[in-house]
Protein backbone atom coordinates (compact mmCIF):
# COMPACT_ATOMS: atom_id res chain seq x y z
CA MET A 1 8.05 -9.28 -9.02
CA SER A 2 7.15 -12.86 -9.79
CA VAL A 3 4.29 -13.88 -12.05
CA ARG A 4 1.60 -16.00 -10.41
CA ARG A 5 1.32 -19.55 -11.65
CA GLY A 6 -1.92 -20.93 -13.01
CA THR A 7 -3.39 -24.34 -12.40
CA ASN A 8 -4.94 -26.94 -14.68
CA LEU A 9 -7.46 -28.18 -12.07
CA ASP A 10 -11.20 -27.55 -12.10
CA ARG A 11 -12.93 -24.47 -10.58
CA VAL A 12 -10.33 -22.04 -11.89
CA GLY A 13 -11.72 -20.27 -14.96
CA GLY A 14 -11.68 -16.76 -13.51
CA PHE A 15 -8.47 -17.42 -11.62
CA ASN A 16 -6.55 -18.50 -14.72
CA ASP A 17 -7.95 -15.66 -16.84
CA ALA A 18 -6.58 -13.24 -14.25
CA VAL A 19 -3.23 -15.07 -14.16
CA VAL A 20 -2.87 -14.65 -17.93
CA LEU A 21 -3.97 -11.01 -17.89
CA ASP A 22 -1.53 -10.25 -15.11
CA ALA A 23 1.33 -11.96 -16.97
CA ILE A 24 0.64 -9.90 -20.08
CA ARG A 25 0.45 -6.69 -18.04
CA ARG A 26 3.79 -7.32 -16.35
CA SER A 27 5.62 -8.18 -19.58
CA ALA A 28 3.80 -5.76 -21.93
CA ARG A 29 3.76 -8.32 -24.77
CA LEU A 30 3.84 -12.12 -24.74
CA SER A 31 3.17 -14.90 -27.20
CA ARG A 32 0.91 -17.81 -26.32
CA VAL A 33 3.94 -20.08 -26.00
CA GLU A 34 5.57 -17.64 -23.58
CA LEU A 35 2.33 -17.37 -21.60
CA ALA A 36 2.29 -21.13 -21.16
CA GLU A 37 5.88 -21.03 -19.94
CA VAL A 38 5.45 -18.26 -17.36
CA THR A 39 2.05 -19.35 -16.04
CA GLY A 40 2.51 -23.13 -16.07
CA LEU A 41 -0.77 -23.57 -17.95
CA SER A 42 -1.19 -26.03 -20.82
CA GLY A 43 -1.13 -24.84 -24.41
CA GLN A 44 -4.82 -25.73 -24.79
CA ALA A 45 -5.75 -23.76 -21.65
CA ILE A 46 -3.81 -20.73 -22.92
CA SER A 47 -5.54 -20.99 -26.30
CA ASN A 48 -9.00 -21.03 -24.67
CA ILE A 49 -8.21 -18.20 -22.24
CA THR A 50 -6.68 -15.88 -24.83
CA ARG A 51 -9.65 -16.44 -27.11
CA ARG A 52 -11.98 -15.36 -24.30
CA LEU A 53 -9.85 -12.31 -23.52
CA LEU A 54 -9.71 -11.31 -27.18
CA ASP A 55 -13.48 -11.69 -27.53
CA ALA A 56 -13.99 -9.59 -24.39
CA GLY A 57 -11.79 -6.82 -25.79
CA LEU A 58 -9.30 -7.03 -22.91
CA VAL A 59 -6.29 -8.02 -25.03
CA ARG A 60 -5.34 -7.55 -28.66
CA GLU A 61 -2.86 -8.99 -31.09
CA ALA A 62 0.27 -6.85 -31.43
CA GLY A 63 2.22 -8.13 -34.40
CA ARG A 64 4.60 -11.05 -34.54
CA GLN A 65 7.96 -11.92 -33.08
CA LYS A 66 10.91 -12.05 -35.44
CA SER A 67 11.30 -15.48 -36.95
CA THR A 68 14.03 -17.69 -35.52
CA GLY A 69 13.92 -19.99 -38.55
CA LEU A 70 12.31 -22.75 -36.46
CA GLY A 71 8.72 -22.20 -37.46
CA LYS A 72 6.37 -19.39 -38.25
CA PRO A 73 6.68 -16.20 -36.15
CA ARG A 74 4.59 -16.21 -32.98
CA THR A 75 1.74 -13.74 -32.56
CA LEU A 76 2.19 -11.38 -29.62
CA LEU A 77 -0.59 -10.35 -27.28
CA GLU A 78 -0.87 -7.09 -25.31
CA LEU A 79 -3.51 -5.37 -23.21
CA GLU A 80 -6.20 -3.43 -25.03
CA PRO A 81 -6.05 0.00 -23.29
CA ALA A 82 -9.71 0.72 -24.04
CA GLY A 83 -10.80 -2.68 -22.71
CA GLN A 84 -11.62 -1.29 -19.28
CA TYR A 85 -11.37 1.96 -17.37
CA ALA A 86 -11.18 2.72 -13.67
CA VAL A 87 -11.77 5.96 -11.77
CA GLY A 88 -9.64 6.94 -8.80
CA VAL A 89 -10.50 9.58 -6.20
CA HIS A 90 -8.08 10.89 -3.61
CA LEU A 91 -9.74 12.76 -0.77
CA ASP A 92 -7.16 14.90 1.01
CA PRO A 93 -8.41 17.51 3.48
CA ALA A 94 -6.93 20.20 1.22
CA VAL A 95 -7.61 18.86 -2.30
CA VAL A 96 -9.69 16.27 -4.12
CA THR A 97 -8.05 14.61 -7.12
CA VAL A 98 -9.91 12.47 -9.66
CA VAL A 99 -8.23 10.41 -12.40
CA VAL A 100 -9.34 7.93 -15.05
CA LEU A 101 -6.99 5.06 -15.90
CA ASP A 102 -7.19 2.83 -18.94
CA LEU A 103 -6.54 -0.91 -18.69
CA THR A 104 -2.78 -0.44 -18.96
CA GLY A 105 -2.80 1.91 -15.97
CA ASP A 106 -2.15 5.09 -17.93
CA VAL A 107 -3.84 8.30 -16.76
CA ILE A 108 -6.04 9.54 -19.60
CA ALA A 109 -7.87 12.31 -17.71
CA ARG A 110 -7.49 14.08 -14.37
CA ARG A 111 -8.79 16.97 -12.34
CA SER A 112 -7.97 18.48 -8.95
CA VAL A 113 -10.31 20.75 -6.98
CA GLY A 114 -9.89 22.40 -3.61
CA THR A 115 -11.69 20.76 -0.71
CA PRO A 116 -14.41 23.12 0.59
CA HIS A 117 -13.31 24.74 3.84
CA ALA A 118 -16.57 23.86 5.58
CA ASP A 119 -15.84 20.12 5.18
CA ASP A 120 -19.57 19.45 4.92
CA PRO A 121 -19.78 15.76 3.89
CA GLU A 122 -22.90 16.15 1.74
CA VAL A 123 -21.49 19.13 -0.15
CA LEU A 124 -18.15 17.44 -0.63
CA ILE A 125 -19.63 14.14 -1.84
CA ASP A 126 -21.86 16.01 -4.29
CA GLY A 127 -18.78 17.78 -5.61
CA ILE A 128 -16.83 14.53 -5.93
CA ALA A 129 -19.69 12.90 -7.85
CA ALA A 130 -19.93 15.82 -10.27
CA THR A 131 -16.16 15.80 -10.82
CA ILE A 132 -16.19 12.06 -11.53
CA GLU A 133 -18.85 12.52 -14.20
CA ASP A 134 -16.91 15.38 -15.78
CA VAL A 135 -13.63 13.44 -15.86
CA ILE A 136 -15.25 10.31 -17.34
CA THR A 137 -16.72 12.51 -20.10
CA GLU A 138 -13.36 14.19 -20.67
CA ALA A 139 -11.67 10.79 -20.94
CA GLY A 140 -14.15 9.64 -23.58
CA ALA A 141 -14.59 6.39 -21.66
CA PRO A 142 -17.74 4.43 -22.58
CA ARG A 143 -19.81 4.09 -19.44
CA ASP A 144 -20.22 0.32 -19.81
CA ARG A 145 -16.44 -0.10 -19.75
CA VAL A 146 -15.90 1.91 -16.55
CA THR A 147 -15.32 -0.91 -14.07
CA GLY A 148 -15.74 1.12 -10.93
CA VAL A 149 -14.51 3.90 -8.68
CA GLY A 150 -11.84 3.62 -6.00
CA ILE A 151 -11.67 6.18 -3.20
CA ALA A 152 -8.51 6.84 -1.22
CA ALA A 153 -9.49 8.57 2.02
CA PRO A 154 -7.68 9.56 5.21
CA GLY A 155 -8.08 7.09 8.05
CA PRO A 156 -9.33 5.68 10.15
CA ILE A 157 -11.88 3.95 7.92
CA ASP A 158 -14.26 1.02 8.22
CA VAL A 159 -13.62 -0.87 4.98
CA ASP A 160 -16.39 -3.44 5.47
CA ARG A 161 -19.06 -0.75 5.80
CA GLY A 162 -17.39 1.75 3.48
CA VAL A 163 -17.33 4.38 6.21
CA VAL A 164 -14.89 7.21 6.90
CA VAL A 165 -14.72 7.25 10.69
CA ASP A 166 -13.07 10.32 12.25
CA PRO A 167 -10.26 11.76 10.09
CA PRO A 168 -8.41 14.31 12.24
CA ASN A 169 -8.23 16.99 9.54
CA LEU A 170 -11.86 16.74 8.41
CA SER A 171 -13.59 17.85 11.58
CA ALA A 172 -17.17 17.47 10.30
CA TRP A 173 -16.64 13.88 9.13
CA HIS A 174 -17.90 11.35 11.68
CA LEU A 175 -18.98 7.89 10.51
CA VAL A 176 -19.67 9.14 6.97
CA PRO A 177 -20.84 6.29 4.65
CA LEU A 178 -18.78 7.62 1.76
CA ARG A 179 -18.80 4.45 -0.33
CA ASP A 180 -22.56 4.02 -0.37
CA GLU A 181 -23.32 7.73 -0.67
CA LEU A 182 -21.09 8.02 -3.72
CA HIS A 183 -22.48 4.83 -5.28
CA GLU A 184 -26.00 6.23 -4.89
CA ARG A 185 -25.01 9.38 -6.75
CA ILE A 186 -23.05 7.88 -9.67
CA GLY A 187 -24.43 4.35 -10.02
CA LEU A 188 -21.02 2.72 -10.40
CA PRO A 189 -19.40 0.14 -8.12
CA VAL A 190 -17.34 1.92 -5.46
CA LEU A 191 -14.64 0.69 -3.12
CA LEU A 192 -13.02 2.56 -0.24
CA ASP A 193 -9.48 2.24 1.07
CA LYS A 194 -6.96 4.27 3.03
CA ASP A 195 -5.00 6.90 1.16
CA VAL A 196 -1.60 5.50 2.16
CA THR A 197 -2.63 1.97 1.22
CA ALA A 198 -3.79 3.19 -2.17
CA ALA A 199 -0.52 5.08 -2.71
CA ALA A 200 1.52 2.00 -1.83
CA SER A 201 -0.65 -0.04 -4.20
CA ALA A 202 0.04 2.48 -6.97
CA GLU A 203 3.79 2.11 -6.52
CA LYS A 204 3.47 -1.67 -6.57
CA TRP A 205 1.20 -1.49 -9.64
CA ALA A 206 3.77 0.67 -11.43
CA GLY A 207 6.41 -2.00 -10.96
CA GLY A 208 7.89 -1.04 -7.62
CA GLY A 209 7.55 -4.33 -5.78
CA GLY A 210 9.67 -5.83 -3.04
CA SER A 211 9.43 -4.53 0.51
CA PHE A 212 9.04 -0.81 1.09
CA VAL A 213 7.22 1.88 3.03
CA PHE A 214 5.35 4.65 1.25
CA PHE A 215 5.63 7.78 3.39
CA TYR A 216 2.72 10.10 2.69
CA LEU A 217 3.20 13.83 3.14
CA GLY A 218 -0.02 15.79 2.90
CA THR A 219 -2.21 17.65 5.33
CA GLY A 220 -1.27 14.75 7.61
CA VAL A 221 1.29 11.95 7.41
CA GLY A 222 0.88 8.21 7.02
CA ALA A 223 2.71 5.08 5.94
CA GLY A 224 1.64 2.47 3.39
CA LEU A 225 3.43 -0.88 3.52
CA VAL A 226 4.33 -3.41 0.86
CA ILE A 227 6.20 -6.50 2.05
CA GLY A 228 7.27 -9.23 -0.35
CA ASP A 229 5.23 -7.66 -3.18
CA GLU A 230 2.05 -7.79 -1.06
CA VAL A 231 0.22 -4.73 0.24
CA VAL A 232 -0.12 -4.93 4.03
CA ARG A 233 -3.51 -3.78 5.30
CA GLY A 234 -3.74 -4.85 8.92
CA SER A 235 -6.65 -6.52 10.68
CA SER A 236 -9.05 -3.65 9.92
CA SER A 237 -7.33 -2.19 6.82
CA ASN A 238 -6.02 0.71 8.89
CA VAL A 239 -2.31 -0.01 8.81
CA GLY A 240 -0.02 3.01 8.64
CA GLU A 241 -1.34 5.33 11.37
CA ILE A 242 2.06 6.78 12.26
CA GLY A 243 0.94 10.32 13.02
CA HIS A 244 1.29 9.89 16.78
CA VAL A 245 4.90 8.71 16.87
CA ILE A 246 6.58 11.24 19.18
CA VAL A 247 9.58 12.93 17.56
CA ASP A 248 9.85 16.10 19.65
CA PRO A 249 8.86 15.91 23.35
CA ASP A 250 8.96 19.72 23.51
CA GLY A 251 6.87 20.17 20.39
CA PRO A 252 3.28 21.39 20.02
CA VAL A 253 0.36 19.67 21.71
CA CYS A 254 -1.37 17.26 19.34
CA TYR A 255 -5.13 16.74 19.38
CA CYS A 256 -4.39 13.36 21.03
CA GLY A 257 -3.14 15.30 24.08
CA ARG A 258 0.56 14.48 23.78
CA ARG A 259 3.38 16.72 22.61
CA GLY A 260 5.54 16.42 19.53
CA CYS A 261 3.67 13.87 17.40
CA VAL A 262 5.14 13.58 13.92
CA GLY A 263 1.77 14.22 12.33
CA GLU A 264 1.40 17.55 14.13
CA THR A 265 5.01 18.69 13.66
CA SER A 266 4.96 17.83 9.93
CA GLN A 267 1.85 19.83 9.08
CA PRO A 268 2.32 22.86 6.81
CA ARG A 269 0.37 24.88 9.37
CA TYR A 270 2.94 24.19 12.09
CA LEU A 271 5.93 24.76 9.79
CA VAL A 272 4.47 28.07 8.62
CA GLN A 273 3.94 29.09 12.25
CA GLN A 274 7.59 28.27 12.98
CA ALA A 275 8.68 30.30 9.95
CA MET A 276 6.68 33.31 11.15
CA GLN A 277 8.21 33.06 14.62
CA ALA A 278 11.70 32.87 13.08
CA GLY A 279 11.06 35.86 10.85
CA VAL A 280 11.33 33.83 7.66
CA LEU A 281 7.72 34.67 6.78
CA ALA A 282 5.84 37.85 7.54
CA GLN A 283 3.50 37.90 10.52
CA GLY A 284 -0.26 37.88 10.09
CA ILE A 285 -0.80 34.72 8.06
CA ASP A 286 -4.18 33.25 9.01
CA LEU A 287 -3.30 29.72 10.13
CA ASP A 288 -6.95 28.68 9.88
CA ASP A 289 -7.06 29.61 6.18
CA ARG A 290 -5.90 26.57 4.17
CA GLY A 291 -5.28 28.59 1.05
CA ALA A 292 -3.14 31.11 2.92
CA VAL A 293 -1.21 28.36 4.69
CA ASP A 294 -0.54 26.49 1.43
CA ALA A 295 0.74 29.66 -0.23
CA ALA A 296 2.97 30.46 2.74
CA PHE A 297 4.24 26.88 2.85
CA ALA A 298 5.22 27.13 -0.82
CA ARG A 299 7.17 30.33 -0.03
CA LEU A 300 8.92 28.60 2.87
CA CYS A 301 9.99 25.68 0.65
CA SER A 302 11.23 28.05 -2.04
CA GLU A 303 13.20 30.05 0.53
CA ALA A 304 14.76 26.85 1.92
CA GLU A 305 15.78 25.74 -1.55
CA ASP A 306 17.53 29.04 -2.27
CA GLY A 307 20.35 28.39 0.19
CA PRO A 308 21.45 28.15 3.84
CA GLY A 309 19.41 30.07 6.37
CA LEU A 310 16.56 29.76 8.85
CA ALA A 311 14.14 28.41 6.25
CA ARG A 312 16.47 25.55 5.40
CA GLU A 313 17.04 24.86 9.10
CA ILE A 314 13.28 24.43 9.60
CA VAL A 315 13.11 21.92 6.75
CA ALA A 316 16.26 20.15 8.02
CA VAL A 317 14.63 19.61 11.42
CA LEU A 318 11.56 18.24 9.65
CA ALA A 319 13.83 15.81 7.75
CA GLN A 320 15.33 14.58 11.02
CA ARG A 321 11.89 13.91 12.47
CA ILE A 322 10.76 12.01 9.41
CA ALA A 323 14.04 10.09 9.23
CA LYS A 324 13.51 8.92 12.82
CA VAL A 325 10.11 7.45 11.95
CA VAL A 326 11.37 5.87 8.72
CA GLU A 327 14.35 4.42 10.58
CA ASP A 328 12.11 2.70 13.13
CA ILE A 329 9.82 1.24 10.46
CA ALA A 330 12.68 0.12 8.20
CA ASN A 331 14.63 -1.55 11.00
CA LEU A 332 11.54 -3.22 12.46
CA LEU A 333 10.42 -4.71 9.13
CA ASP A 334 13.79 -5.03 7.31
CA LEU A 335 12.62 -2.97 4.35
CA GLU A 336 14.47 -2.18 1.14
CA ARG A 337 13.43 1.41 0.60
CA VAL A 338 11.18 4.32 1.45
CA VAL A 339 9.14 6.04 -1.24
CA PHE A 340 7.94 9.57 -0.51
CA GLY A 341 4.84 11.08 -2.05
CA GLY A 342 1.69 13.04 -1.40
CA PRO A 343 0.50 16.60 -2.11
CA HIS A 344 3.45 18.27 -0.35
CA TRP A 345 6.25 15.99 -1.48
CA GLU A 346 7.18 17.84 -4.67
CA GLN A 347 7.70 21.08 -2.76
CA LEU A 348 9.88 19.38 -0.16
CA ALA A 349 11.68 16.94 -2.48
CA PRO A 350 14.70 19.13 -3.42
CA LEU A 351 15.83 19.19 0.23
CA LEU A 352 13.99 16.52 2.14
CA GLY A 353 15.10 13.51 0.07
CA ASP A 354 18.83 14.15 0.46
CA ALA A 355 18.49 15.13 4.12
CA VAL A 356 16.59 11.93 4.98
CA ARG A 357 19.07 9.86 2.97
CA VAL A 358 22.01 11.29 4.91
CA ALA A 359 20.21 10.89 8.24
CA LEU A 360 19.52 7.21 7.52
CA GLU A 361 22.98 6.29 6.28
CA GLU A 362 24.19 5.23 9.72
CA ARG A 363 20.83 4.24 11.18
CA PHE A 364 19.76 1.33 9.00
CA LEU A 365 20.98 -1.62 11.05
CA VAL A 366 21.36 -4.21 8.26
CA ARG A 367 23.08 -1.88 5.79
CA SER A 368 25.99 -4.34 5.62
CA VAL A 369 23.55 -6.95 4.28
CA HIS A 370 21.62 -4.78 1.83
CA PRO A 371 21.27 -1.06 1.12
CA PHE A 372 18.27 1.08 1.96
CA GLU A 373 17.04 3.32 -0.83
CA VAL A 374 15.34 6.71 -0.46
CA ALA A 375 13.23 7.74 -3.45
CA GLY A 376 10.34 9.93 -4.47
CA THR A 377 7.28 8.53 -6.16
CA ALA A 378 7.48 8.32 -9.94
CA LEU A 379 3.72 8.92 -10.12
CA GLY A 380 3.70 12.55 -9.02
CA VAL A 381 1.06 14.33 -6.96
CA ASP A 382 -1.68 12.06 -8.31
CA VAL A 383 -0.26 8.94 -6.65
CA GLY A 384 -3.18 8.61 -4.21
CA ALA A 385 -5.83 8.87 -6.93
CA ILE A 386 -3.86 6.57 -9.25
CA GLY A 387 -3.61 4.10 -6.39
CA ALA A 388 -7.36 4.23 -5.79
CA ALA A 389 -8.01 3.47 -9.47
CA SER A 390 -5.38 0.73 -9.49
CA LEU A 391 -7.25 -0.97 -6.63
CA VAL A 392 -10.22 -1.23 -8.99
CA LEU A 393 -8.09 -2.59 -11.83
CA ASP A 394 -6.39 -4.94 -9.39
CA GLN A 395 -9.67 -6.83 -9.09
CA THR A 396 -9.36 -7.63 -12.80
CA PHE A 397 -5.69 -8.57 -12.74
CA SER A 398 -5.12 -10.13 -9.34
CA PRO A 399 -5.94 -13.84 -9.16
CA ASN A 400 -7.95 -14.71 -6.08
CA PRO A 401 -6.77 -18.09 -4.73
CA SER A 402 -10.02 -18.45 -2.77
CA VAL A 403 -11.72 -19.83 -5.89
CA LEU A 404 -9.45 -22.87 -5.59
CA LEU A 405 -10.83 -23.83 -2.17
CA PRO A 406 -14.13 -25.66 -2.76
CA ASP A 407 -14.96 -26.24 0.90
CA ARG A 408 -15.17 -22.61 1.90
CA GLU A 409 -17.39 -19.72 0.98
CA PHE A 410 -15.86 -16.35 0.36
CA VAL A 411 -17.81 -13.14 0.38
CA ALA A 412 -16.31 -10.49 -1.89
CA GLU A 413 -15.62 -7.29 -0.01
CA ARG A 414 -17.40 -4.17 -1.19
């Protein structure tokens, strides 16, 4: 990933501060001389900016470089972890995860709670607000240094209004103003984004730039996109709705009315149903009971990992379906890799990753030009929540070029 360059023109105070912060974050430690080199800013500008950042408690001095014999050793600067905190919330239809990140992006507190079966928006938002307060307290984060809360929610969403529209696996949620309702309860700035976009942002934040698709495996499926180090959002911030790509014309009927959509055929509920029909799992599992389905799904994954058999065949078919979708996206956009993650990835990882890799070996059309990598997220099951929090921190670190355009007015979203 390349470091943004600063500018020595007027109207750029906040822009250049963010450029310097971002350069320090990417390199961990830099001297003032090195900051001038990588950002293109003058030595005087760097001196003024670093003084402001030190006074604000966002950076700190971190010792000196070893002397080269050509002058006194240079003082190194690094981020001050306690300079700011951000809260991330991942709303999955089966589980709500809340994390607190420090300024370096490290998780310092987390909690996961089951999503109430009734899906009542008011009850669920009350629960999220209470969990946020508990996790902030657990983290020991001073309230005045908590920058805000990011929420990663299933789509579709209306980002401008902060509304969750009609997520297919939260039946009671219709035009729910989640952003404003949560802000009213906790009194902190809140932003809302799609879960797959947040997850892709988390991978990018953690150093995984370039061009890739983040394939989300949870109660539903989705795809977050990063192209050329930039998160792709689409015209309404709803990019990544891949659930209705048809992968099995003879498959189950989706709620959209068609058969064999990848979102429907990838759900734990459907896979558990297949396992019962094949005799891999005992009959009588209540497919409307999320807890029972999750437990049965875990048994299915464990059985598949144990060795060849019907359980592994079910997972192998799932891998083929997913590989077909990844193949289409990768070939269309000339991507470098796919990163898998989400609540169900860890259970499927021992088999799914290798199976998808093999399935894609002959399908990626420009493999003679560059390889296509298949990987699992390095951020674990919390990737969605970490991504939501990183979206908040990104407002601190990401320079906004709009401040350089004096003839236009820009309204900050959210």
